Protein backbone atom coordinates (compact mmCIF):
# COMPACT_ATOMS: atom_id res chain seq x y z
CA MET A 1 2.06 15.58 6.06
CA HIS A 2 -1.25 14.62 4.38
CA GLN A 3 0.03 11.13 3.62
CA LEU A 4 0.98 10.60 7.26
CA MET A 5 -2.41 11.88 8.39
CA GLY A 6 -4.07 9.56 5.88
CA ASP A 7 -2.09 6.62 7.24
CA LEU A 8 -3.08 7.52 10.81
CA GLU A 9 -6.76 7.89 9.94
CA ALA A 10 -6.71 4.60 8.00
CA ALA A 11 -5.13 2.85 11.00
CA LYS A 12 -7.96 4.18 13.19
CA GLY A 13 -10.53 2.88 10.70
CA ASN A 14 -11.67 6.35 9.69
CA ASP A 15 -11.70 5.65 5.96
CA GLY A 16 -13.54 8.82 4.96
CA LYS A 17 -11.00 11.11 6.63
CA ALA A 18 -8.10 8.99 5.34
CA ILE A 19 -9.43 9.25 1.79
CA GLU A 20 -9.59 13.06 2.14
CA GLU A 21 -6.01 13.19 3.39
CA TYR A 22 -4.70 10.92 0.63
CA ARG A 23 -6.46 13.02 -2.00
CA ALA A 24 -4.88 16.16 -0.52
CA ALA A 25 -1.46 14.49 -0.60
CA ILE A 26 -1.97 13.45 -4.24
CA ALA A 27 -2.91 17.01 -5.16
CA LEU A 28 0.46 18.17 -3.78
CA LYS A 29 2.66 15.33 -5.05
CA PRO A 30 0.93 12.85 -7.40
CA SER A 31 4.08 10.81 -8.10
CA LEU A 32 4.76 9.88 -4.47
CA PRO A 33 5.21 6.08 -4.23
CA ASN A 34 2.43 4.05 -2.60
CA LEU A 35 0.09 7.04 -2.28
CA HIS A 36 -2.28 6.03 -5.09
CA TYR A 37 -2.27 2.47 -3.74
CA SER A 38 -3.23 3.66 -0.26
CA LEU A 39 -6.12 5.67 -1.66
CA GLY A 40 -7.13 2.92 -4.09
CA HIS A 41 -7.07 0.30 -1.35
CA LEU A 42 -9.46 2.30 0.82
CA LEU A 43 -11.74 3.04 -2.12
CA TRP A 44 -11.75 -0.69 -2.97
CA LYS A 45 -12.46 -1.54 0.67
CA ASP A 46 -15.44 0.85 0.52
CA LEU A 47 -16.55 -0.83 -2.75
CA LYS A 48 -16.02 2.30 -4.85
CA VAL A 49 -14.71 0.07 -7.61
CA PRO A 50 -14.38 2.50 -10.56
CA GLU A 51 -12.57 5.08 -8.41
CA ALA A 52 -10.39 2.39 -6.85
CA ARG A 53 -9.37 1.05 -10.26
CA VAL A 54 -8.23 4.50 -11.38
CA GLU A 55 -5.99 4.89 -8.32
CA LEU A 56 -4.65 1.33 -8.47
CA GLU A 57 -3.86 1.64 -12.17
CA THR A 58 -2.11 4.96 -11.47
CA GLU A 59 0.01 3.23 -8.81
CA LEU A 60 0.86 0.50 -11.31
CA ALA A 61 1.94 3.11 -13.85
CA LEU A 62 4.43 4.32 -11.23
CA ASN A 63 5.37 0.83 -9.99
CA PRO A 64 4.25 -2.04 -12.27
CA ARG A 65 5.27 -4.69 -9.69
CA HIS A 66 3.30 -3.30 -6.73
CA ALA A 67 1.86 -6.56 -5.38
CA GLY A 68 -0.83 -4.85 -3.29
CA ALA A 69 -2.13 -2.79 -6.20
CA LEU A 70 -2.08 -5.81 -8.51
CA ASN A 71 -3.93 -7.95 -5.96
CA ASP A 72 -6.54 -5.29 -5.19
CA LEU A 73 -7.10 -4.62 -8.88
CA GLY A 74 -7.59 -8.33 -9.49
CA ASN A 75 -10.03 -8.44 -6.60
CA THR A 76 -12.16 -5.67 -8.11
CA TYR A 77 -12.76 -8.01 -11.04
CA LEU A 78 -13.41 -11.01 -8.78
CA LEU A 79 -16.08 -8.95 -7.01
CA GLU A 80 -17.81 -8.55 -10.37
CA HIS A 81 -17.40 -12.28 -11.17
CA GLN A 82 -14.92 -11.58 -13.97
CA PRO A 83 -12.16 -14.06 -13.12
CA ASN A 84 -10.76 -13.91 -16.65
CA LYS A 85 -9.98 -10.20 -16.11
CA ALA A 86 -8.75 -10.78 -12.54
CA LEU A 87 -6.31 -13.56 -13.40
CA PRO A 88 -3.59 -11.51 -15.18
CA TYR A 89 -3.39 -9.06 -12.25
CA LEU A 90 -3.35 -11.83 -9.66
CA GLU A 91 -0.66 -13.77 -11.52
CA ARG A 92 1.50 -10.64 -11.70
CA ALA A 93 0.86 -10.04 -7.98
CA LEU A 94 2.05 -13.57 -7.23
CA ALA A 95 5.19 -13.03 -9.32
CA ALA A 96 5.91 -9.92 -7.23
CA ASP A 97 5.13 -11.56 -3.86
CA SER A 98 5.02 -15.36 -4.10
CA ALA A 99 4.82 -15.89 -0.33
CA ASN A 100 1.61 -13.88 0.10
CA SER A 101 -1.14 -16.31 1.10
CA ASP A 102 -3.88 -13.77 0.31
CA ILE A 103 -2.77 -13.73 -3.32
CA HIS A 104 -2.87 -17.55 -3.39
CA ARG A 105 -6.38 -17.44 -1.91
CA ASP A 106 -7.52 -14.97 -4.57
CA LEU A 107 -5.90 -16.97 -7.38
CA GLY A 108 -7.68 -20.05 -6.04
CA THR A 109 -10.95 -18.16 -6.19
CA ALA A 110 -10.33 -17.03 -9.78
CA TYR A 111 -9.39 -20.53 -10.94
CA SER A 112 -12.39 -21.99 -9.13
CA GLU A 113 -14.74 -19.57 -10.87
CA LEU A 114 -13.13 -20.54 -14.19
CA GLY A 115 -13.69 -24.23 -13.41
CA ASP A 116 -9.98 -25.08 -13.18
CA TYR A 117 -10.30 -26.96 -9.90
CA ARG A 118 -6.81 -28.47 -10.00
CA LYS A 119 -5.15 -25.03 -10.06
CA ALA A 120 -7.67 -23.70 -7.54
CA GLU A 121 -6.80 -26.56 -5.18
CA GLU A 122 -3.05 -25.85 -5.55
CA HIS A 123 -3.50 -22.22 -4.52
CA PHE A 124 -6.04 -22.88 -1.76
CA THR A 125 -3.71 -25.53 -0.30
CA ILE A 126 -0.99 -22.90 0.04
CA ALA A 127 -3.38 -20.27 1.42
CA VAL A 128 -5.04 -22.55 3.96
CA SER A 129 -2.10 -22.24 6.39
CA SER A 130 -3.07 -18.65 7.18
CA ASP A 131 -6.86 -19.11 7.06
CA ARG A 132 -8.22 -17.10 9.98
CA ASP A 133 -11.94 -17.63 9.55
CA GLY A 134 -12.32 -21.01 7.87
CA SER A 135 -13.25 -19.53 4.48
CA VAL A 136 -10.21 -20.94 2.68
CA HIS A 137 -10.82 -24.39 4.18
CA TYR A 138 -14.37 -24.18 2.86
CA LYS A 139 -13.24 -23.10 -0.61
CA LEU A 140 -10.62 -25.85 -0.67
CA ALA A 141 -13.25 -28.47 0.19
CA ARG A 142 -15.56 -27.18 -2.54
CA VAL A 143 -12.92 -27.43 -5.29
CA THR A 144 -11.52 -30.74 -4.06
CA LYS A 145 -14.89 -32.49 -4.46
CA PRO A 146 -15.40 -31.83 -8.20
CA TRP A 147 -11.71 -32.46 -8.90
CA ALA A 148 -11.71 -35.76 -6.98
CA ARG A 149 -15.03 -36.81 -8.52
CA ARG A 150 -13.64 -36.30 -12.04
CA LYS A 151 -10.50 -38.26 -11.14
CA ARG A 152 -12.64 -41.15 -9.85
CA LEU A 153 -14.83 -41.09 -12.94
CA ARG A 154 -11.83 -41.18 -15.26
CA GLY A 155 -10.55 -44.22 -13.43
CA ASN A 156 -13.91 -46.02 -13.65
CA SER A 157 -14.14 -48.01 -16.89
CA HIS A 158 -17.95 -48.05 -16.57
CA SER A 159 -18.08 -44.29 -16.50
CA PRO A 160 -19.95 -42.54 -19.32
CA LEU A 161 -16.81 -40.44 -19.81
CA HIS A 162 -14.95 -43.42 -21.33
């Protein structure tokens, strides 16, 4: 009952009440699938990163291939500009749900922050088809410029790189 109430409150955008309901449901049945993810997702959304990580990691202990938990956990590290820590979670999320454009967007962000513009471009190119606010187009343009510039320089025999 608490899980259902949590889902209803989350759907209405009442995160505080949903969090209370999910915690009550966990107290009654902590091994219920998806429950820790639901709580962790809301905590992450509210930027309660340490608490969110605990719940997301608990969900992954129950279901190691939970794409949502893997993606959210990776995003907690992206928020802190730790793409090297985010990458393993995001790659596992992609293995669990390869068609998810949000995961491709987040992988593109991680690779971009690591300076691997070629891989960032690959993932942003996939994610751009479901870009709703132009942010992926912007990120794609930003990684394409350095990548294209390096390609041009490598092809220029007068370049200081040769």
